[in-house]
Amino acid sequence: MKQSVEGEIDARLAARLAELRGEYGWSLGELAERSGVSRSTLSRAERAEISPTAALLNRLCHVYGRTMSRLLSEVEAQAGPVPLVRAGEQGVWEDRASGFVRRSVSPPHPALRGELVEGRLAPGADLAYDRPPVPGLEQHIWVLDGALAVTAQEVEHRLDTGDCLRLRVWGPTRFRCTGDRETRYVLAVVLP
């Protein structure tokens, strides 16, 4: 059953990506030029032939001016913003290629600037973003379990269980699980 749920999320995500491109009135070629992602990859993502990676979604979020949480909340089966989200109802998305699992703890609300995300990285996972989804995004990264290396502005920060890093994201970032077990962390995101 897990595969069908993942397949359903991938299909809704693909449809939303195609809708967004249509809302902006862009061809695949225009979106490819703006995002730096090939037309072929964009086409396959919009037809749910591939499950997009976190890095690919990040590039598209940058072009569309939205956080990944906002994009993912747009494809989750919710009737709209709610004040309470039970643990079993929180949206989970997995980038199987990189070993990254993302849980939207507090789905974004259009009128609010902050959100909480739980991240899990498998041992050896290395997740690189070439740009922030929104320039100047404020992030607080609190490691709940394991060891994490976060690189921002060409500086690597090594975090262990309980450590918290605060930064504003203007350029590339990288998240690496540096231990021999899964790393679990909370990412608090605040729009500028």
C-alpha atoms as a PDB file:
ATOM      1  CA  MET A   1       0.000   0.000   0.000  1.00  0.00           C
ATOM      2  CA  LYS A   2       2.911   2.367   0.669  1.00  0.00           C
ATOM      3  CA  GLN A   3       3.867   2.321  -3.018  1.00  0.00           C
ATOM      4  CA  SER A   4       0.350   3.334  -4.075  1.00  0.00           C
ATOM      5  CA  VAL A   5       0.349   6.264  -1.615  1.00  0.00           C
ATOM      6  CA  GLU A   6       3.779   7.387  -2.877  1.00  0.00           C
ATOM      7  CA  GLY A   7       2.593   6.966  -6.464  1.00  0.00           C
ATOM      8  CA  GLU A   8      -0.524   9.007  -5.718  1.00  0.00           C
ATOM      9  CA  ILE A   9       1.546  11.834  -4.191  1.00  0.00           C
ATOM     10  CA  ASP A  10       3.941  11.744  -7.153  1.00  0.00           C
ATOM     11  CA  ALA A  11       0.985  11.964  -9.553  1.00  0.00           C
ATOM     12  CA  ARG A  12      -0.568  14.927  -7.699  1.00  0.00           C
ATOM     13  CA  LEU A  13       2.842  16.628  -7.524  1.00  0.00           C
ATOM     14  CA  ALA A  14       3.329  16.116 -11.266  1.00  0.00           C
ATOM     15  CA  ALA A  15      -0.096  17.614 -11.980  1.00  0.00           C
ATOM     16  CA  ARG A  16       0.618  20.619  -9.732  1.00  0.00           C
ATOM     17  CA  LEU A  17       3.970  21.249 -11.438  1.00  0.00           C
ATOM     18  CA  ALA A  18       2.225  21.254 -14.823  1.00  0.00           C
ATOM     19  CA  GLU A  19      -0.499  23.573 -13.454  1.00  0.00           C
ATOM     20  CA  LEU A  20       2.075  26.018 -12.091  1.00  0.00           C
ATOM     21  CA  ARG A  21       3.870  26.217 -15.417  1.00  0.00           C
ATOM     22  CA  GLY A  22       0.503  26.860 -17.069  1.00  0.00           C
ATOM     23  CA  GLU A  23      -0.382  29.560 -14.521  1.00  0.00           C
ATOM     24  CA  TYR A  24       2.828  31.370 -15.411  1.00  0.00           C
ATOM     25  CA  GLY A  25       2.210  30.861 -19.124  1.00  0.00           C
ATOM     26  CA  TRP A  26       5.635  29.308 -19.696  1.00  0.00           C
ATOM     27  CA  SER A  27       6.600  26.664 -22.212  1.00  0.00           C
ATOM     28  CA  LEU A  28       8.807  23.783 -21.111  1.00  0.00           C
ATOM     29  CA  GLY A  29      11.687  25.577 -22.823  1.00  0.00           C
ATOM     30  CA  GLU A  30      11.084  28.785 -20.867  1.00  0.00           C
ATOM     31  CA  LEU A  31      10.881  26.907 -17.568  1.00  0.00           C
ATOM     32  CA  ALA A  32      14.040  24.976 -18.448  1.00  0.00           C
ATOM     33  CA  GLU A  33      15.874  28.226 -19.117  1.00  0.00           C
ATOM     34  CA  ARG A  34      14.666  29.829 -15.869  1.00  0.00           C
ATOM     35  CA  SER A  35      15.333  26.780 -13.665  1.00  0.00           C
ATOM     36  CA  GLY A  36      18.424  25.252 -15.223  1.00  0.00           C
ATOM     37  CA  VAL A  37      16.610  21.894 -15.442  1.00  0.00           C
ATOM     38  CA  SER A  38      16.441  20.158 -18.815  1.00  0.00           C
ATOM     39  CA  ARG A  39      13.186  20.178 -20.797  1.00  0.00           C
ATOM     40  CA  SER A  40      13.212  16.404 -20.839  1.00  0.00           C
ATOM     41  CA  THR A  41      13.476  16.150 -17.039  1.00  0.00           C
ATOM     42  CA  LEU A  42      10.750  18.760 -16.564  1.00  0.00           C
ATOM     43  CA  SER A  43       8.482  16.938 -19.008  1.00  0.00           C
ATOM     44  CA  ARG A  44       9.047  13.593 -17.294  1.00  0.00           C
ATOM     45  CA  ALA A  45       8.403  15.162 -13.860  1.00  0.00           C
ATOM     46  CA  GLU A  46       5.152  16.734 -15.083  1.00  0.00           C
ATOM     47  CA  ARG A  47       3.998  13.356 -16.444  1.00  0.00           C
ATOM     48  CA  ALA A  48       4.982  11.525 -13.208  1.00  0.00           C
ATOM     49  CA  GLU A  49       7.473   9.391 -15.114  1.00  0.00           C
ATOM     50  CA  ILE A  50      10.096  10.304 -12.523  1.00  0.00           C
ATOM     51  CA  SER A  51       9.838  11.225  -8.866  1.00  0.00           C
ATOM     52  CA  PRO A  52      11.565  14.609  -8.552  1.00  0.00           C
ATOM     53  CA  THR A  53      14.527  14.928  -6.228  1.00  0.00           C
ATOM     54  CA  ALA A  54      14.667  17.522  -3.459  1.00  0.00           C
ATOM     55  CA  ALA A  55      17.265  19.456  -5.482  1.00  0.00           C
ATOM     56  CA  LEU A  56      14.996  19.554  -8.554  1.00  0.00           C
ATOM     57  CA  LEU A  57      11.984  20.675  -6.486  1.00  0.00           C
ATOM     58  CA  ASN A  58      14.145  23.327  -4.832  1.00  0.00           C
ATOM     59  CA  ARG A  59      15.061  24.773  -8.244  1.00  0.00           C
ATOM     60  CA  LEU A  60      11.404  24.862  -9.270  1.00  0.00           C
ATOM     61  CA  CYS A  61      10.352  26.404  -5.942  1.00  0.00           C
ATOM     62  CA  HIS A  62      12.946  29.130  -6.510  1.00  0.00           C
ATOM     63  CA  VAL A  63      11.521  29.911  -9.949  1.00  0.00           C
ATOM     64  CA  TYR A  64       7.946  29.933  -8.633  1.00  0.00           C
ATOM     65  CA  GLY A  65       8.864  31.927  -5.477  1.00  0.00           C
ATOM     66  CA  ARG A  66       7.524  29.447  -2.944  1.00  0.00           C
ATOM     67  CA  THR A  67       8.950  27.173  -0.268  1.00  0.00           C
ATOM     68  CA  MET A  68       8.995  23.425  -0.749  1.00  0.00           C
ATOM     69  CA  SER A  69       6.512  23.108   2.113  1.00  0.00           C
ATOM     70  CA  ARG A  70       4.065  25.353   0.315  1.00  0.00           C
ATOM     71  CA  LEU A  71       4.405  23.379  -2.918  1.00  0.00           C
ATOM     72  CA  LEU A  72       3.980  20.045  -1.148  1.00  0.00           C
ATOM     73  CA  SER A  73       1.012  21.312   0.878  1.00  0.00           C
ATOM     74  CA  GLU A  74      -0.666  22.235  -2.413  1.00  0.00           C
ATOM     75  CA  VAL A  75      -0.664  18.558  -3.419  1.00  0.00           C
ATOM     76  CA  GLU A  76      -1.645  17.091  -0.051  1.00  0.00           C
ATOM     77  CA  ALA A  77      -5.256  16.110   0.426  1.00  0.00           C
ATOM     78  CA  GLN A  78      -6.385  18.877   2.783  1.00  0.00           C
ATOM     79  CA  ALA A  79      -9.422  21.089   2.528  1.00  0.00           C
ATOM     80  CA  GLY A  80      -7.369  24.184   3.364  1.00  0.00           C
ATOM     81  CA  PRO A  81      -5.305  25.649   6.185  1.00  0.00           C
ATOM     82  CA  VAL A  82      -6.054  24.113   9.566  1.00  0.00           C
ATOM     83  CA  PRO A  83      -4.793  25.139  13.021  1.00  0.00           C
ATOM     84  CA  LEU A  84      -4.080  21.575  14.229  1.00  0.00           C
ATOM     85  CA  VAL A  85      -2.452  18.792  12.248  1.00  0.00           C
ATOM     86  CA  ARG A  86      -2.276  15.391  13.923  1.00  0.00           C
ATOM     87  CA  ALA A  87       0.936  13.399  13.521  1.00  0.00           C
ATOM     88  CA  GLY A  88      -0.747  10.835  11.268  1.00  0.00           C
ATOM     89  CA  GLU A  89      -2.054  13.593   8.977  1.00  0.00           C
ATOM     90  CA  GLN A  90       1.276  15.368   8.439  1.00  0.00           C
ATOM     91  CA  GLY A  91       2.453  15.170   4.855  1.00  0.00           C
ATOM     92  CA  VAL A  92       5.531  13.042   4.237  1.00  0.00           C
ATOM     93  CA  TRP A  93       7.572  13.250   1.064  1.00  0.00           C
ATOM     94  CA  GLU A  94      10.614  11.132   0.235  1.00  0.00           C
ATOM     95  CA  ASP A  95      13.508  11.802  -2.094  1.00  0.00           C
ATOM     96  CA  ARG A  96      14.449   8.161  -2.565  1.00  0.00           C
ATOM     97  CA  ALA A  97      17.494   9.036  -4.687  1.00  0.00           C
ATOM     98  CA  SER A  98      19.201  10.972  -1.890  1.00  0.00           C
ATOM     99  CA  GLY A  99      17.955   9.171   1.233  1.00  0.00           C
ATOM    100  CA  PHE A 100      15.980  12.201   2.450  1.00  0.00           C
ATOM    101  CA  VAL A 101      12.558  12.031   4.104  1.00  0.00           C
ATOM    102  CA  ARG A 102      10.665  15.266   4.780  1.00  0.00           C
ATOM    103  CA  ARG A 103       7.648  15.646   7.059  1.00  0.00           C
ATOM    104  CA  SER A 104       5.594  18.852   6.954  1.00  0.00           C
ATOM    105  CA  VAL A 105       4.937  19.254  10.669  1.00  0.00           C
ATOM    106  CA  SER A 106       3.129  22.586  10.290  1.00  0.00           C
ATOM    107  CA  PRO A 107       1.919  23.061   6.721  1.00  0.00           C
ATOM    108  CA  PRO A 108       2.284  26.654   5.630  1.00  0.00           C
ATOM    109  CA  HIS A 109      -0.604  29.057   5.689  1.00  0.00           C
ATOM    110  CA  PRO A 110      -0.651  31.804   3.049  1.00  0.00           C
ATOM    111  CA  ALA A 111      -0.945  34.495   5.745  1.00  0.00           C
ATOM    112  CA  LEU A 112       1.882  33.147   7.951  1.00  0.00           C
ATOM    113  CA  ARG A 113       5.652  33.288   7.403  1.00  0.00           C
ATOM    114  CA  GLY A 114       6.923  30.397   9.555  1.00  0.00           C
ATOM    115  CA  GLU A 115       6.730  26.624   9.330  1.00  0.00           C
ATOM    116  CA  LEU A 116       8.276  23.534  10.878  1.00  0.00           C
ATOM    117  CA  VAL A 117       9.684  20.598   8.937  1.00  0.00           C
ATOM    118  CA  GLU A 118      11.161  17.338  10.204  1.00  0.00           C
ATOM    119  CA  GLY A 119      14.041  16.035   8.108  1.00  0.00           C
ATOM    120  CA  ARG A 120      15.603  12.587   8.163  1.00  0.00           C
ATOM    121  CA  LEU A 121      18.780  11.702   6.334  1.00  0.00           C
ATOM    122  CA  ALA A 122      20.007   8.134   5.924  1.00  0.00           C
ATOM    123  CA  PRO A 123      23.638   7.383   6.816  1.00  0.00           C
ATOM    124  CA  GLY A 124      25.867   8.876   4.133  1.00  0.00           C
ATOM    125  CA  ALA A 125      23.031  10.945   2.612  1.00  0.00           C
ATOM    126  CA  ASP A 126      24.213  14.159   0.987  1.00  0.00           C
ATOM    127  CA  LEU A 127      21.604  16.724  -0.031  1.00  0.00           C
ATOM    128  CA  ALA A 128      22.755  19.798  -1.971  1.00  0.00           C
ATOM    129  CA  TYR A 129      20.680  22.792  -3.032  1.00  0.00           C
ATOM    130  CA  ASP A 130      22.184  25.227  -5.529  1.00  0.00           C
ATOM    131  CA  ARG A 131      19.966  28.111  -4.347  1.00  0.00           C
ATOM    132  CA  PRO A 132      17.302  28.830  -1.739  1.00  0.00           C
ATOM    133  CA  PRO A 133      13.659  28.570  -2.770  1.00  0.00           C
ATOM    134  CA  VAL A 134      13.266  32.152  -1.484  1.00  0.00           C
ATOM    135  CA  PRO A 135      16.392  34.351  -1.150  1.00  0.00           C
ATOM    136  CA  GLY A 136      17.035  35.455   2.443  1.00  0.00           C
ATOM    137  CA  LEU A 137      15.033  32.556   3.890  1.00  0.00           C
ATOM    138  CA  GLU A 138      15.686  32.227   7.635  1.00  0.00           C
ATOM    139  CA  GLN A 139      16.370  28.686   8.847  1.00  0.00           C
ATOM    140  CA  HIS A 140      16.843  27.221  12.317  1.00  0.00           C
ATOM    141  CA  ILE A 141      18.217  23.665  12.187  1.00  0.00           C
ATOM    142  CA  TRP A 142      17.878  21.699  15.427  1.00  0.00           C
ATOM    143  CA  VAL A 143      19.364  18.185  15.451  1.00  0.00           C
ATOM    144  CA  LEU A 144      17.166  15.769  17.390  1.00  0.00           C
ATOM    145  CA  ASP A 145      19.247  12.653  16.801  1.00  0.00           C
ATOM    146  CA  GLY A 146      22.487  11.893  14.977  1.00  0.00           C
ATOM    147  CA  ALA A 147      25.139  14.079  13.375  1.00  0.00           C
ATOM    148  CA  LEU A 148      24.664  16.619  10.602  1.00  0.00           C
ATOM    149  CA  ALA A 149      26.999  18.823   8.581  1.00  0.00           C
ATOM    150  CA  VAL A 150      25.357  21.926   7.116  1.00  0.00           C
ATOM    151  CA  THR A 151      27.255  24.054   4.613  1.00  0.00           C
ATOM    152  CA  ALA A 152      26.088  27.596   3.880  1.00  0.00           C
ATOM    153  CA  GLN A 153      28.047  30.537   2.464  1.00  0.00           C
ATOM    154  CA  GLU A 154      30.985  28.138   1.988  1.00  0.00           C
ATOM    155  CA  VAL A 155      31.216  27.452   5.752  1.00  0.00           C
ATOM    156  CA  GLU A 156      30.577  23.946   7.087  1.00  0.00           C
ATOM    157  CA  HIS A 157      28.846  23.690  10.466  1.00  0.00           C
ATOM    158  CA  ARG A 158      29.009  20.329  12.259  1.00  0.00           C
ATOM    159  CA  LEU A 159      26.035  19.666  14.490  1.00  0.00           C
ATOM    160  CA  ASP A 160      25.444  16.860  16.968  1.00  0.00           C
ATOM    161  CA  THR A 161      22.320  15.838  18.870  1.00  0.00           C
ATOM    162  CA  GLY A 162      20.817  18.892  20.579  1.00  0.00           C
ATOM    163  CA  ASP A 163      22.786  21.482  18.571  1.00  0.00           C
ATOM    164  CA  CYS A 164      20.928  24.266  16.759  1.00  0.00           C
ATOM    165  CA  LEU A 165      22.149  26.421  13.863  1.00  0.00           C
ATOM    166  CA  ARG A 166      20.442  29.638  12.747  1.00  0.00           C
ATOM    167  CA  LEU A 167      21.167  31.222   9.378  1.00  0.00           C
ATOM    168  CA  ARG A 168      19.777  33.146   6.455  1.00  0.00           C
ATOM    169  CA  VAL A 169      20.052  31.385   3.128  1.00  0.00           C
ATOM    170  CA  TRP A 170      21.263  33.415   0.150  1.00  0.00           C
ATOM    171  CA  GLY A 171      23.185  30.846  -1.881  1.00  0.00           C
ATOM    172  CA  PRO A 172      23.940  27.118  -2.092  1.00  0.00           C
ATOM    173  CA  THR A 173      23.439  24.893   0.957  1.00  0.00           C
ATOM    174  CA  ARG A 174      24.306  21.302   1.703  1.00  0.00           C
ATOM    175  CA  PHE A 175      23.011  18.881   4.353  1.00  0.00           C
ATOM    176  CA  ARG A 176      25.063  15.726   5.054  1.00  0.00           C
ATOM    177  CA  CYS A 177      24.468  12.900   7.489  1.00  0.00           C
ATOM    178  CA  THR A 178      27.953  12.445   8.933  1.00  0.00           C
ATOM    179  CA  GLY A 179      27.277   9.600  11.342  1.00  0.00           C
ATOM    180  CA  ASP A 180      26.726   5.882  10.926  1.00  0.00           C
ATOM    181  CA  ARG A 181      23.024   6.138  11.783  1.00  0.00           C
ATOM    182  CA  GLU A 182      20.089   8.190  10.538  1.00  0.00           C
ATOM    183  CA  THR A 183      20.044  11.890  11.393  1.00  0.00           C
ATOM    184  CA  ARG A 184      16.746  13.453  12.430  1.00  0.00           C
ATOM    185  CA  TYR A 185      16.353  17.205  12.689  1.00  0.00           C
ATOM    186  CA  VAL A 186      13.775  19.983  12.868  1.00  0.00           C
ATOM    187  CA  LEU A 187      13.983  22.769  10.330  1.00  0.00           C
ATOM    188  CA  ALA A 188      12.156  25.958  11.260  1.00  0.00           C
ATOM    189  CA  VAL A 189      11.699  28.092   8.141  1.00  0.00           C
ATOM    190  CA  VAL A 190      10.741  31.773   8.241  1.00  0.00           C
ATOM    191  CA  LEU A 191      10.057  33.751   5.081  1.00  0.00           C
ATOM    192  CA  PRO A 192      11.862  37.106   4.875  1.00  0.00           C
END
